[in-house]
Amino acid sequence: MWVDPIVQEVRDAADRLAREAGYDLHEFCERLREHERRYAARLVTLGPRRLQAQTAGDAGNSGPG
């Protein structure tokens, strides 16, 4: 079976972070929040985007018809 190296790297990183948090979701989230506080200047925060209204001709173009 072929293994995508990028997917494997992401999975390995996720496992390492979970292991460091003792597989405790609350601890994992607290560590994430601490990381966000520590590196706040590096974070990108995008504002809300307005959705464009679909016209009747745009709706339903993704399926067979």
Protein backbone atom coordinates (compact mmCIF):
# COMPACT_ATOMS: atom_id res chain seq x y z
CA MET A 1 0.00 0.00 0.00
CA TRP A 2 1.33 3.41 -0.98
CA VAL A 3 1.86 5.87 1.88
CA ASP A 4 1.79 9.60 1.20
CA PRO A 5 4.86 11.01 2.98
CA ILE A 6 3.16 14.33 3.76
CA VAL A 7 0.12 12.65 5.28
CA GLN A 8 2.43 10.40 7.29
CA GLU A 9 4.40 13.39 8.56
CA VAL A 10 1.19 15.11 9.70
CA ARG A 11 -0.01 11.94 11.44
CA ASP A 12 3.35 11.48 13.15
CA ALA A 13 3.30 15.08 14.38
CA ALA A 14 -0.26 14.71 15.65
CA ASP A 15 0.67 11.53 17.50
CA ARG A 16 3.73 13.17 19.04
CA LEU A 17 1.69 16.15 20.26
CA ALA A 18 -1.04 13.89 21.65
CA ARG A 19 1.56 11.72 23.41
CA GLU A 20 3.21 14.84 24.94
CA ALA A 21 -0.22 15.86 26.30
CA GLY A 22 -0.76 12.39 27.74
CA TYR A 23 -3.59 11.79 25.24
CA ASP A 24 -5.66 14.23 27.33
CA LEU A 25 -7.79 16.46 25.09
CA HIS A 26 -8.02 19.24 27.68
CA GLU A 27 -4.23 19.26 28.13
CA PHE A 28 -3.76 19.18 24.36
CA CYS A 29 -6.03 22.24 23.95
CA GLU A 30 -4.33 24.09 26.80
CA ARG A 31 -0.96 23.51 25.16
CA LEU A 32 -2.39 24.81 21.89
CA ARG A 33 -3.73 27.94 23.60
CA GLU A 34 -0.34 28.52 25.28
CA HIS A 35 1.38 28.16 21.92
CA GLU A 36 -1.06 30.68 20.40
CA ARG A 37 -0.32 33.14 23.24
CA ARG A 38 3.42 32.69 22.90
CA TYR A 39 3.46 33.15 19.13
CA ALA A 40 0.53 35.56 18.71
CA ALA A 41 2.51 37.80 16.37
CA ARG A 42 2.86 34.90 13.90
CA LEU A 43 -0.84 34.04 13.76
CA VAL A 44 -3.01 35.13 10.88
CA THR A 45 -6.56 36.11 11.72
CA LEU A 46 -8.89 36.63 8.81
CA GLY A 47 -12.08 38.59 9.18
CA PRO A 48 -15.46 37.23 8.16
CA ARG A 49 -16.17 36.97 4.45
CA ARG A 50 -19.46 37.85 2.85
CA LEU A 51 -21.06 35.03 0.91
CA GLN A 52 -22.06 35.84 -2.63
CA ALA A 53 -25.69 35.16 -3.44
CA GLN A 54 -26.21 32.33 -5.90
CA THR A 55 -28.43 32.88 -8.88
CA ALA A 56 -30.97 30.27 -9.94
CA GLY A 57 -28.62 29.22 -12.76
CA ASP A 58 -25.74 28.59 -10.31
CA ALA A 59 -27.65 26.30 -7.97
CA GLY A 60 -27.35 22.59 -8.51
CA ASN A 61 -24.57 22.63 -11.13
CA SER A 62 -22.49 20.15 -9.15
CA GLY A 63 -24.64 17.06 -9.70
CA PRO A 64 -25.88 15.08 -12.65
CA GLY A 65 -28.74 16.66 -14.42
